[in-house]
Amino acid sequence: MTRLPRPLSARARILGAILAVACIGLALVGGVTFLVQRERVLTEVDSRLREQVDRLTTVAAGAEPQTDAGEPTTASEDLDISEFTTVSDFLYSTVARLSPARNEGAVAVIDGKTRYRPATLSGFDISGDQQFIERVVAETAGGETVLGTAVTERGSLRYIAIPVSMPGDPQKGVYVRAVDLGAELSPVTAAIATYSAAAVVMLVTIGFVGWFVAGRLLSPIRRLREAADAVTLDDLSPRLPARGDDDISDLTRTMNSMLDRLEGSVDVQRQLLDDVRHELKTPITIVRGHLELMDPRDARDVAVTREIGMAELDRMTRLVDDIDLLATVEGDAYAMTDVDLGALTARIGELVAVIPGHTWTVVGVAEGQILGDSDRLLQAWLQLAENAAKYSPAGSEIELGSAVTDAAAFLWVADHGPGIPPALRHRIFRRFDRAQGTRAVGGSGLGLAIVDAIAKGHGGTCTVTETPGGGATFTVRIPLSAAEVPAPVRAGDVVLQRDATG
């Protein structure tokens, strides 16, 4: 199997992106600078060449040289005949008077052959470049002044070629002035070379510094990765301190919150599994024990054992159903809508009326609306009613009702049974936990846990207080504001609500 190459680390990719942007930026700046400086030098060279032409005072005014991008102009300039009589004399005088500067060269060509060159060469000699001479002669054959660039053995030359003619003289002359572009551009080239060297040094420096800066910036993410690697089902405790208000700190807080939720979920699942294992162990032990002691030849013993086994299996079925219901109310997203408290109270009154063995009385009906899942609230309220019927003496009265204040709505069920001792009230909402002694009645032990889960799903609570005259009152408190932090209902609040409504 071919092993895939290891991808570049985030640190390397970040550094690569930084260097790429820096390289592109430096290249653009250097390129633009070079082009601007080169154009400036070329403009200066062209200006010098035109200035030399202007110094030929015998050339008629108004003639402009042809440029590389322009249209050719006529160069049949008239000369001052009173001063010169031949083309040769004029070119000789011109070459003698206009000495080339450094990096410049001049030559006079008559009838296609080099005739005169400056006696003192402060610049360079172009008279021996026959290929160049033939080029300028051909370009000026039509009598046009030419400004152009030629690549010669010496290098790139920027030149101007001026054709010269005189009436009565059959000779055709050309005055050529050239500038060595390589020499003129050498300061710019040197500056670009220096800039390139400095850019390379800068890129190396950026890479060196960026490597450590990127590592420091990514160190919180590395610690997050290490913390995530350290998290196992056996140990969900690793956390990272969140410092600052930047994105990485927000990510750290998010991960810590995720680990908190995960740890809580795992703890709940472990507890549930432990409780289920404990609860299922008892009926399995009972069924197994009776099967082992049963006399298969005794029909009555077989019938009794079968009845016991079926009863225990039914109890396990109810237990599994309650566990499934608890998981549903804890995990479902509730369909939150506006719930009419009066209609909800009337509905619960209709449902509990068919529960036999007790007198049901609705003692308070609240007016108004709350935000909640009506089906889940009805399910929790009905569970409290069934729980009260289960633990109350036959024929006793059970009261229920609803009330609302500026802060919360209350849904309660009050029975007149043996009640729940205060010391045991904190335990009855746990899974598979029951108040021992006074309320020892069969069941899965998940009913109140389901009610508590539904109340918490609405941001509220479920509490138990003592009913006046004896018994237990269970109250579901639902805050009216979604932003309100759930708080336990005080016993006095419940009594006041019942007194005020009933």
Protein backbone atom coordinates (compact mmCIF):
# COMPACT_ATOMS: atom_id res chain seq x y z
CA MET A 1 0.00 0.00 0.00
CA THR A 2 1.41 3.35 -1.03
CA ARG A 3 1.88 5.68 1.90
CA LEU A 4 0.49 9.13 1.30
CA PRO A 5 2.91 12.00 1.89
CA ARG A 6 2.43 13.89 5.13
CA PRO A 7 0.71 17.21 4.45
CA LEU A 8 2.45 20.42 5.35
CA SER A 9 1.78 21.69 8.83
CA ALA A 10 -0.33 24.79 9.41
CA ARG A 11 2.81 26.57 10.57
CA ALA A 12 4.58 25.84 7.27
CA ARG A 13 1.52 26.84 5.22
CA ILE A 14 1.14 30.13 7.08
CA LEU A 15 4.83 30.88 6.64
CA GLY A 16 4.64 29.95 2.95
CA ALA A 17 1.69 32.29 2.45
CA ILE A 18 3.52 35.13 4.20
CA LEU A 19 6.65 34.61 2.10
CA ALA A 20 4.63 34.35 -1.11
CA VAL A 21 2.84 37.64 -0.41
CA ALA A 22 6.10 39.32 0.60
CA CYS A 23 7.87 37.99 -2.50
CA ILE A 24 5.10 39.18 -4.82
CA GLY A 25 5.05 42.57 -3.12
CA LEU A 26 8.81 43.04 -3.32
CA ALA A 27 8.85 41.90 -6.94
CA LEU A 28 6.09 44.34 -7.90
CA VAL A 29 7.77 47.24 -6.11
CA GLY A 30 11.16 46.41 -7.63
CA GLY A 31 9.72 45.91 -11.12
CA VAL A 32 7.74 49.15 -11.08
CA THR A 33 10.75 51.05 -9.71
CA PHE A 34 13.02 49.62 -12.41
CA LEU A 35 10.58 50.45 -15.20
CA VAL A 36 10.07 54.00 -13.94
CA GLN A 37 13.80 54.63 -13.57
CA ARG A 38 14.54 53.06 -16.95
CA GLU A 39 11.91 55.22 -18.62
CA ARG A 40 13.35 58.28 -16.92
CA VAL A 41 16.85 57.46 -18.24
CA LEU A 42 15.52 56.84 -21.76
CA THR A 43 13.64 60.14 -21.69
CA GLU A 44 16.81 61.91 -20.59
CA VAL A 45 18.81 60.22 -23.36
CA ASP A 46 16.25 61.23 -25.99
CA SER A 47 16.33 64.77 -24.65
CA ARG A 48 20.13 64.86 -24.99
CA LEU A 49 19.96 63.55 -28.55
CA ARG A 50 17.37 66.13 -29.55
CA GLU A 51 19.45 68.82 -27.86
CA GLN A 52 22.38 67.91 -30.11
CA VAL A 53 20.16 68.29 -33.13
CA ASP A 54 18.97 71.67 -31.94
CA ARG A 55 22.59 72.79 -31.78
CA LEU A 56 22.88 72.29 -35.52
CA THR A 57 21.86 75.91 -36.06
CA THR A 58 22.08 75.58 -39.80
CA VAL A 59 19.20 73.09 -39.89
CA ALA A 60 15.95 74.81 -40.71
CA ALA A 61 13.65 75.25 -37.78
CA GLY A 62 10.50 73.21 -37.48
CA ALA A 63 11.87 69.77 -38.33
CA GLU A 64 11.22 67.15 -35.64
CA PRO A 65 12.96 63.75 -35.61
CA GLN A 66 11.04 60.50 -36.09
CA THR A 67 10.60 58.48 -32.92
CA ASP A 68 10.00 54.79 -32.58
CA ALA A 69 6.30 55.36 -31.98
CA GLY A 70 5.80 58.44 -34.15
CA GLU A 71 5.33 59.17 -37.84
CA PRO A 72 8.39 60.13 -39.92
CA THR A 73 8.93 63.80 -40.68
CA THR A 74 10.50 65.33 -43.74
CA ALA A 75 14.20 66.15 -43.26
CA SER A 76 15.06 68.03 -46.44
CA GLU A 77 16.44 70.83 -44.33
CA ASP A 78 17.90 73.81 -46.12
CA LEU A 79 21.37 74.90 -45.03
CA ASP A 80 22.89 78.31 -44.76
CA ILE A 81 24.68 78.37 -48.13
CA SER A 82 26.50 81.60 -47.26
CA GLU A 83 28.46 79.69 -44.57
CA PHE A 84 28.97 76.27 -46.14
CA THR A 85 29.34 75.26 -49.74
CA THR A 86 29.35 71.44 -49.52
CA VAL A 87 27.87 68.69 -47.41
CA SER A 88 31.37 67.56 -46.54
CA ASP A 89 32.31 70.95 -45.12
CA PHE A 90 29.14 71.14 -43.09
CA LEU A 91 29.57 67.67 -41.56
CA TYR A 92 33.23 68.27 -40.85
CA SER A 93 32.36 71.44 -38.97
CA THR A 94 29.53 69.70 -37.13
CA VAL A 95 31.70 66.78 -35.98
CA ALA A 96 34.43 69.18 -34.92
CA ARG A 97 32.14 71.40 -32.89
CA LEU A 98 29.83 68.83 -31.27
CA SER A 99 32.17 66.64 -29.26
CA PRO A 100 30.42 63.61 -27.75
CA ALA A 101 30.14 63.33 -23.99
CA ARG A 102 30.89 60.24 -21.97
CA ASN A 103 28.89 57.20 -23.09
CA GLU A 104 28.23 58.96 -26.42
CA GLY A 105 29.54 58.47 -29.93
CA ALA A 106 29.25 60.47 -33.17
CA VAL A 107 30.12 59.92 -36.80
CA ALA A 108 29.52 61.63 -40.15
CA VAL A 109 28.64 59.42 -43.09
CA ILE A 110 28.81 60.61 -46.73
CA ASP A 111 27.41 58.50 -49.54
CA GLY A 112 27.21 55.47 -47.29
CA LYS A 113 30.78 55.57 -46.05
CA THR A 114 32.22 56.80 -42.79
CA ARG A 115 33.95 60.13 -43.41
CA TYR A 116 34.46 61.98 -40.15
CA ARG A 117 34.61 61.09 -36.48
CA PRO A 118 35.56 63.23 -33.46
CA ALA A 119 39.30 63.62 -33.03
CA THR A 120 39.03 63.50 -29.23
CA LEU A 121 36.90 60.54 -28.11
CA SER A 122 35.61 61.26 -24.64
CA GLY A 123 32.91 58.77 -25.49
CA PHE A 124 33.25 55.75 -27.76
CA ASP A 125 33.90 55.14 -31.45
CA ILE A 126 31.07 53.88 -33.64
CA SER A 127 32.76 54.57 -36.98
CA GLY A 128 34.01 50.98 -37.27
CA ASP A 129 30.62 49.33 -36.88
CA GLN A 130 29.81 48.88 -40.55
CA GLN A 131 26.57 46.99 -39.89
CA PHE A 132 25.27 49.87 -37.80
CA ILE A 133 26.37 52.41 -40.43
CA GLU A 134 24.55 50.51 -43.15
CA ARG A 135 21.41 50.41 -40.99
CA VAL A 136 21.25 54.17 -40.41
CA VAL A 137 22.01 54.88 -44.09
CA ALA A 138 19.13 52.64 -45.11
CA GLU A 139 16.77 54.19 -42.56
CA THR A 140 17.54 57.75 -43.75
CA ALA A 141 17.47 56.98 -47.47
CA GLY A 142 14.11 58.68 -47.76
CA GLY A 143 15.38 61.92 -46.23
CA GLU A 144 13.84 61.28 -42.80
CA THR A 145 15.39 61.96 -39.42
CA VAL A 146 15.33 58.76 -37.38
CA LEU A 147 15.38 58.27 -33.58
CA GLY A 148 15.81 54.61 -32.71
CA THR A 149 17.52 51.82 -30.81
CA ALA A 150 19.98 49.30 -32.21
CA VAL A 151 21.59 46.20 -30.70
CA THR A 152 25.25 46.06 -31.72
CA GLU A 153 28.35 44.20 -30.66
CA ARG A 154 28.96 47.01 -28.20
CA GLY A 155 25.51 46.69 -26.71
CA SER A 156 22.24 48.59 -27.02
CA LEU A 157 22.61 52.02 -28.62
CA ARG A 158 20.05 54.79 -28.63
CA TYR A 159 20.77 56.93 -31.67
CA ILE A 160 19.56 59.77 -33.85
CA ALA A 161 20.41 59.90 -37.56
CA ILE A 162 19.98 63.22 -39.43
CA PRO A 163 20.22 63.22 -43.23
CA VAL A 164 22.04 66.25 -44.68
CA SER A 165 21.82 67.58 -48.28
CA MET A 166 22.65 70.86 -50.03
CA PRO A 167 21.45 72.33 -53.30
CA GLY A 168 24.01 71.87 -56.05
CA ASP A 169 25.91 69.17 -54.11
CA PRO A 170 25.11 65.60 -55.14
CA GLN A 171 26.58 64.11 -51.96
CA LYS A 172 24.21 62.64 -49.37
CA GLY A 173 25.37 62.93 -45.80
CA VAL A 174 24.12 61.56 -42.47
CA TYR A 175 25.07 62.82 -39.03
CA VAL A 176 24.75 60.06 -36.40
CA ARG A 177 24.75 60.56 -32.65
CA ALA A 178 24.50 57.48 -30.38
CA VAL A 179 24.32 56.86 -26.63
CA ASP A 180 25.34 53.60 -24.92
CA LEU A 181 22.15 52.55 -23.09
CA GLY A 182 23.94 49.90 -21.07
CA ALA A 183 26.28 52.46 -19.58
CA GLU A 184 23.48 54.97 -19.02
CA LEU A 185 21.32 52.35 -17.34
CA SER A 186 24.13 50.91 -15.24
CA PRO A 187 23.24 53.00 -12.13
CA VAL A 188 19.64 51.77 -12.42
CA THR A 189 20.82 48.18 -12.94
CA ALA A 190 23.16 48.47 -9.96
CA ALA A 191 20.33 49.87 -7.83
CA ILE A 192 18.03 47.00 -8.86
CA ALA A 193 20.78 44.47 -8.11
CA THR A 194 21.23 46.04 -4.66
CA TYR A 195 17.45 46.04 -4.17
CA SER A 196 17.26 42.36 -5.19
CA ALA A 197 20.00 41.42 -2.72
CA ALA A 198 18.27 43.40 0.02
CA ALA A 199 14.94 41.75 -0.90
CA VAL A 200 16.49 38.29 -0.59
CA VAL A 201 17.92 39.20 2.82
CA MET A 202 14.51 40.60 3.80
CA LEU A 203 12.74 37.41 2.71
CA VAL A 204 15.16 35.30 4.71
CA THR A 205 14.61 37.54 7.73
CA ILE A 206 10.83 37.39 7.30
CA GLY A 207 11.02 33.62 7.02
CA PHE A 208 13.18 33.32 10.13
CA VAL A 209 11.05 35.67 12.24
CA GLY A 210 7.77 34.42 10.74
CA TRP A 211 8.60 30.83 11.67
CA PHE A 212 8.84 31.72 15.36
CA VAL A 213 5.90 34.16 15.26
CA ALA A 214 3.67 31.57 13.54
CA GLY A 215 4.74 28.99 16.10
CA ARG A 216 3.84 31.30 18.95
CA LEU A 217 0.50 32.21 17.40
CA LEU A 218 -0.32 28.53 16.86
CA SER A 219 0.85 27.44 20.32
CA PRO A 220 -2.68 27.78 21.83
CA ILE A 221 -4.04 25.58 19.02
CA ARG A 222 -1.24 23.10 19.69
CA ARG A 223 -2.22 23.03 23.36
CA LEU A 224 -5.84 22.51 22.30
CA ARG A 225 -4.76 19.56 20.17
CA GLU A 226 -2.72 18.10 23.03
CA ALA A 227 -5.67 18.53 25.39
CA ALA A 228 -7.99 16.86 22.87
CA ASP A 229 -5.53 13.99 22.52
CA ALA A 230 -5.48 13.60 26.30
CA VAL A 231 -9.27 13.33 26.53
CA THR A 232 -10.56 9.78 26.92
CA LEU A 233 -13.77 8.27 28.21
CA ASP A 234 -11.94 7.46 31.42
CA ASP A 235 -10.62 11.00 31.87
CA LEU A 236 -12.62 13.97 30.57
CA SER A 237 -11.08 16.44 33.00
CA PRO A 238 -8.39 18.21 30.85
CA ARG A 239 -9.20 21.91 30.40
CA LEU A 240 -7.30 24.90 29.04
CA PRO A 241 -7.21 28.39 30.57
CA ALA A 242 -8.80 30.97 28.25
CA ARG A 243 -6.88 34.24 28.22
CA GLY A 244 -7.94 37.31 26.27
CA ASP A 245 -10.84 37.97 23.93
CA ASP A 246 -9.38 36.89 20.58
CA ASP A 247 -10.62 34.11 18.31
CA ILE A 248 -8.29 31.50 19.80
CA SER A 249 -9.49 32.33 23.31
CA ASP A 250 -13.07 31.95 22.10
CA LEU A 251 -12.14 28.60 20.59
CA THR A 252 -10.58 27.56 23.91
CA ARG A 253 -13.73 28.51 25.81
CA THR A 254 -15.87 26.68 23.27
CA MET A 255 -13.78 23.54 23.63
CA ASN A 256 -13.91 23.73 27.43
CA SER A 257 -17.68 24.13 27.25
CA MET A 258 -17.89 21.17 24.87
CA LEU A 259 -15.82 19.06 27.25
CA ASP A 260 -18.07 20.12 30.14
CA ARG A 261 -21.14 19.00 28.23
CA LEU A 262 -19.44 15.81 27.12
CA GLU A 263 -18.31 15.00 30.64
CA GLY A 264 -21.81 15.65 31.98
CA SER A 265 -23.35 13.49 29.27
CA VAL A 266 -20.93 10.64 29.90
CA ASP A 267 -21.55 10.85 33.65
CA VAL A 268 -25.29 10.71 33.05
CA GLN A 269 -24.93 7.74 30.73
CA ARG A 270 -22.71 5.92 33.20
CA GLN A 271 -25.19 6.58 35.97
CA LEU A 272 -28.05 5.43 33.76
CA LEU A 273 -26.23 2.25 32.80
CA ASP A 274 -25.37 1.53 36.43
CA ASP A 275 -28.98 2.12 37.48
CA VAL A 276 -30.40 0.02 34.64
CA ARG A 277 -28.00 -2.81 35.44
CA HIS A 278 -29.04 -2.63 39.08
CA GLU A 279 -32.77 -2.47 38.33
CA LEU A 280 -32.69 -5.29 35.78
CA LYS A 281 -30.64 -7.53 38.02
CA THR A 282 -33.48 -7.90 40.54
CA PRO A 283 -36.21 -9.26 38.20
CA ILE A 284 -33.69 -11.47 36.43
CA THR A 285 -32.61 -12.91 39.78
CA ILE A 286 -36.23 -13.46 40.81
CA VAL A 287 -37.16 -15.23 37.58
CA ARG A 288 -34.03 -17.36 37.64
CA GLY A 289 -34.54 -18.32 41.27
CA HIS A 290 -38.12 -19.43 40.72
CA LEU A 291 -37.18 -21.36 37.59
CA GLU A 292 -34.46 -23.20 39.49
CA LEU A 293 -36.84 -24.10 42.34
CA MET A 294 -39.82 -24.98 40.13
CA ASP A 295 -40.97 -28.58 40.02
CA PRO A 296 -41.77 -29.21 36.35
CA ARG A 297 -44.00 -32.20 37.36
CA ASP A 298 -46.15 -29.98 39.56
CA ALA A 299 -48.64 -28.13 37.34
CA ARG A 300 -49.57 -25.70 40.10
CA ASP A 301 -45.90 -24.85 40.75
CA VAL A 302 -45.36 -24.33 37.00
CA ALA A 303 -48.38 -22.01 36.81
CA VAL A 304 -47.23 -19.94 39.80
CA THR A 305 -43.69 -19.67 38.42
CA ARG A 306 -45.05 -18.65 35.01
CA GLU A 307 -47.19 -15.96 36.61
CA ILE A 308 -44.23 -14.60 38.56
CA GLY A 309 -42.00 -14.64 35.46
CA MET A 310 -44.58 -12.83 33.33
CA ALA A 311 -45.06 -10.18 36.02
CA GLU A 312 -41.32 -9.57 36.23
CA LEU A 313 -41.03 -9.42 32.45
CA ASP A 314 -43.87 -6.90 32.34
CA ARG A 315 -42.04 -4.83 34.95
CA MET A 316 -38.85 -4.93 32.87
CA THR A 317 -40.85 -3.86 29.81
CA ARG A 318 -42.25 -0.89 31.69
CA LEU A 319 -38.77 -0.08 32.89
CA VAL A 320 -37.37 -0.12 29.35
CA ASP A 321 -40.26 2.05 28.14
CA ASP A 322 -39.62 4.58 30.91
CA ILE A 323 -35.90 4.63 30.13
CA ASP A 324 -36.70 5.26 26.46
CA LEU A 325 -39.12 8.05 27.44
CA LEU A 326 -36.52 9.66 29.72
CA ALA A 327 -33.90 9.59 26.96
CA THR A 328 -36.43 11.18 24.60
CA VAL A 329 -37.36 14.11 26.86
CA GLU A 330 -33.69 14.73 27.69
CA GLY A 331 -32.49 14.67 24.08
CA ASP A 332 -35.35 16.09 22.01
CA ALA A 333 -35.48 19.68 20.81
CA TYR A 334 -38.76 21.03 22.15
CA ALA A 335 -41.30 22.64 19.81
CA MET A 336 -41.63 25.94 21.67
CA THR A 337 -44.85 27.84 20.94
CA ASP A 338 -47.26 30.08 22.83
CA VAL A 339 -49.25 27.88 25.22
CA ASP A 340 -52.55 29.05 26.69
CA LEU A 341 -52.48 28.25 30.41
CA GLY A 342 -56.27 28.15 30.71
CA ALA A 343 -56.66 25.66 27.87
CA LEU A 344 -53.78 23.56 29.21
CA THR A 345 -55.36 23.41 32.67
CA ALA A 346 -58.75 22.46 31.21
CA ARG A 347 -57.11 19.68 29.19
CA ILE A 348 -55.32 18.15 32.18
CA GLY A 349 -58.63 18.24 34.09
CA GLU A 350 -60.27 16.17 31.36
CA LEU A 351 -57.42 13.63 31.32
CA VAL A 352 -57.17 13.00 35.09
CA ALA A 353 -60.93 12.60 35.46
CA VAL A 354 -60.70 9.04 34.09
CA ILE A 355 -58.06 7.96 36.64
CA PRO A 356 -60.07 5.83 39.11
CA GLY A 357 -59.93 5.69 42.87
CA HIS A 358 -59.70 9.43 43.61
CA THR A 359 -61.66 12.66 43.55
CA TRP A 360 -60.02 15.16 41.18
CA THR A 361 -60.52 18.89 41.67
CA VAL A 362 -59.18 21.79 39.59
CA VAL A 363 -58.72 24.54 42.16
CA GLY A 364 -57.04 27.24 40.03
CA VAL A 365 -56.92 28.23 36.38
CA ALA A 366 -54.32 30.75 35.25
CA GLU A 367 -55.02 33.26 32.50
CA GLY A 368 -52.29 34.08 30.03
CA GLN A 369 -49.71 32.45 27.80
CA ILE A 370 -46.25 30.98 28.25
CA LEU A 371 -43.60 29.87 25.79
CA GLY A 372 -43.30 26.08 25.87
CA ASP A 373 -44.04 22.69 24.34
CA SER A 374 -47.67 21.99 25.24
CA ASP A 375 -47.36 18.21 24.68
CA ARG A 376 -44.32 17.92 26.97
CA LEU A 377 -45.89 20.13 29.66
CA LEU A 378 -49.05 18.05 29.53
CA GLN A 379 -46.95 14.88 29.77
CA ALA A 380 -45.12 16.16 32.88
CA TRP A 381 -48.33 17.36 34.53
CA LEU A 382 -50.08 14.05 33.86
CA GLN A 383 -47.09 12.14 35.27
CA LEU A 384 -47.40 14.14 38.51
CA ALA A 385 -51.11 13.31 38.63
CA GLU A 386 -50.47 9.58 38.12
CA ASN A 387 -47.74 9.72 40.75
CA ALA A 388 -50.13 11.36 43.23
CA ALA A 389 -52.82 8.75 42.50
CA LYS A 390 -50.32 5.94 43.03
CA TYR A 391 -49.13 7.17 46.44
CA SER A 392 -52.41 8.51 47.87
CA PRO A 393 -54.98 6.47 49.79
CA ALA A 394 -57.92 5.22 47.75
CA GLY A 395 -60.83 7.67 47.70
CA SER A 396 -58.74 10.63 48.80
CA GLU A 397 -59.01 14.00 47.09
CA ILE A 398 -56.29 15.23 44.73
CA GLU A 399 -56.16 18.88 43.71
CA LEU A 400 -54.44 20.46 40.74
CA GLY A 401 -54.27 23.91 39.23
CA SER A 402 -52.21 26.62 37.59
CA ALA A 403 -51.19 30.19 38.42
CA VAL A 404 -49.04 32.90 36.93
CA THR A 405 -47.03 35.83 38.27
CA ASP A 406 -44.93 38.49 36.58
CA ALA A 407 -41.92 36.15 36.65
CA ALA A 408 -43.19 32.61 36.14
CA ALA A 409 -46.08 30.21 35.65
CA PHE A 410 -46.85 27.37 38.09
CA LEU A 411 -48.46 23.99 37.41
CA TRP A 412 -49.12 21.92 40.52
CA VAL A 413 -50.67 18.69 41.84
CA ALA A 414 -51.44 18.32 45.55
CA ASP A 415 -52.36 15.04 47.24
CA HIS A 416 -53.35 14.22 50.81
CA GLY A 417 -51.28 11.10 51.28
CA PRO A 418 -48.47 10.40 53.72
CA GLY A 419 -46.24 13.14 52.24
CA ILE A 420 -42.47 13.14 51.80
CA PRO A 421 -40.09 13.88 54.67
CA PRO A 422 -37.94 17.00 53.99
CA ALA A 423 -34.77 14.96 54.31
CA LEU A 424 -35.81 12.77 51.38
CA ARG A 425 -37.18 15.43 49.03
CA HIS A 426 -33.84 16.04 47.29
CA ARG A 427 -33.63 12.36 46.28
CA ILE A 428 -36.97 11.70 44.64
CA PHE A 429 -36.05 13.33 41.31
CA ARG A 430 -33.06 11.02 40.85
CA ARG A 431 -33.31 8.06 38.51
CA PHE A 432 -34.58 4.87 40.15
CA ASP A 433 -34.68 6.57 43.55
CA ARG A 434 -37.73 6.54 45.76
CA ALA A 435 -38.58 7.95 49.14
CA GLN A 436 -38.23 4.96 51.41
CA GLY A 437 -40.89 3.93 53.87
CA THR A 438 -43.86 6.27 53.54
CA ARG A 439 -44.11 6.10 49.72
CA ALA A 440 -42.77 2.61 48.97
CA VAL A 441 -44.92 1.71 45.97
CA GLY A 442 -43.91 -0.30 42.91
CA GLY A 443 -42.70 1.49 39.78
CA SER A 444 -39.62 2.09 37.69
CA GLY A 445 -38.50 5.09 39.73
CA LEU A 446 -38.21 7.24 36.58
CA GLY A 447 -41.50 9.16 36.65
CA LEU A 448 -40.26 12.18 38.61
CA ALA A 449 -36.95 12.12 36.74
CA ILE A 450 -38.95 12.53 33.51
CA VAL A 451 -40.89 15.44 35.00
CA ASP A 452 -37.69 17.09 36.17
CA ALA A 453 -36.12 16.70 32.70
CA ILE A 454 -39.15 18.32 31.01
CA ALA A 455 -39.09 21.21 33.50
CA LYS A 456 -35.39 21.81 32.90
CA GLY A 457 -35.99 21.63 29.14
CA HIS A 458 -38.21 24.72 29.59
CA GLY A 459 -35.66 26.49 31.76
CA GLY A 460 -37.68 25.75 34.88
CA THR A 461 -37.70 23.48 37.91
CA CYS A 462 -39.86 20.93 39.68
CA THR A 463 -40.09 21.03 43.46
CA VAL A 464 -42.02 19.29 46.22
CA THR A 465 -43.49 20.90 49.32
CA GLU A 466 -45.91 19.85 52.03
CA THR A 467 -49.64 20.13 51.35
CA PRO A 468 -51.56 22.02 54.08
CA GLY A 469 -53.26 19.37 56.17
CA GLY A 470 -50.80 16.67 55.09
CA GLY A 471 -49.58 15.26 51.83
CA ALA A 472 -47.22 16.39 49.08
CA THR A 473 -47.54 19.18 46.53
CA PHE A 474 -45.46 18.94 43.34
CA THR A 475 -44.98 22.20 41.41
CA VAL A 476 -43.52 22.78 37.97
CA ARG A 477 -42.24 26.35 37.63
CA ILE A 478 -41.78 27.73 34.08
CA PRO A 479 -40.10 31.17 33.81
CA LEU A 480 -41.89 33.66 31.57
CA SER A 481 -38.61 35.11 30.30
CA ALA A 482 -36.32 32.77 28.35
CA ALA A 483 -33.33 34.68 29.73
CA GLU A 484 -34.30 34.05 33.36
CA VAL A 485 -32.05 31.68 35.22
CA PRO A 486 -34.09 28.76 36.62
CA ALA A 487 -34.50 28.97 40.38
CA PRO A 488 -36.19 26.64 42.87
CA VAL A 489 -39.79 27.42 43.84
CA ARG A 490 -40.14 28.30 47.49
CA ALA A 491 -42.75 26.43 49.48
CA GLY A 492 -44.36 29.70 50.50
CA ASP A 493 -44.83 30.71 46.87
CA VAL A 494 -46.77 27.53 46.09
CA VAL A 495 -49.02 27.88 49.11
CA LEU A 496 -49.73 31.53 48.29
CA GLN A 497 -50.66 30.64 44.74
CA ARG A 498 -53.01 27.91 45.85
CA ASP A 499 -54.51 30.15 48.49
CA ALA A 500 -54.95 32.97 46.02
CA THR A 501 -56.64 30.79 43.41
CA GLY A 502 -58.53 28.31 45.45
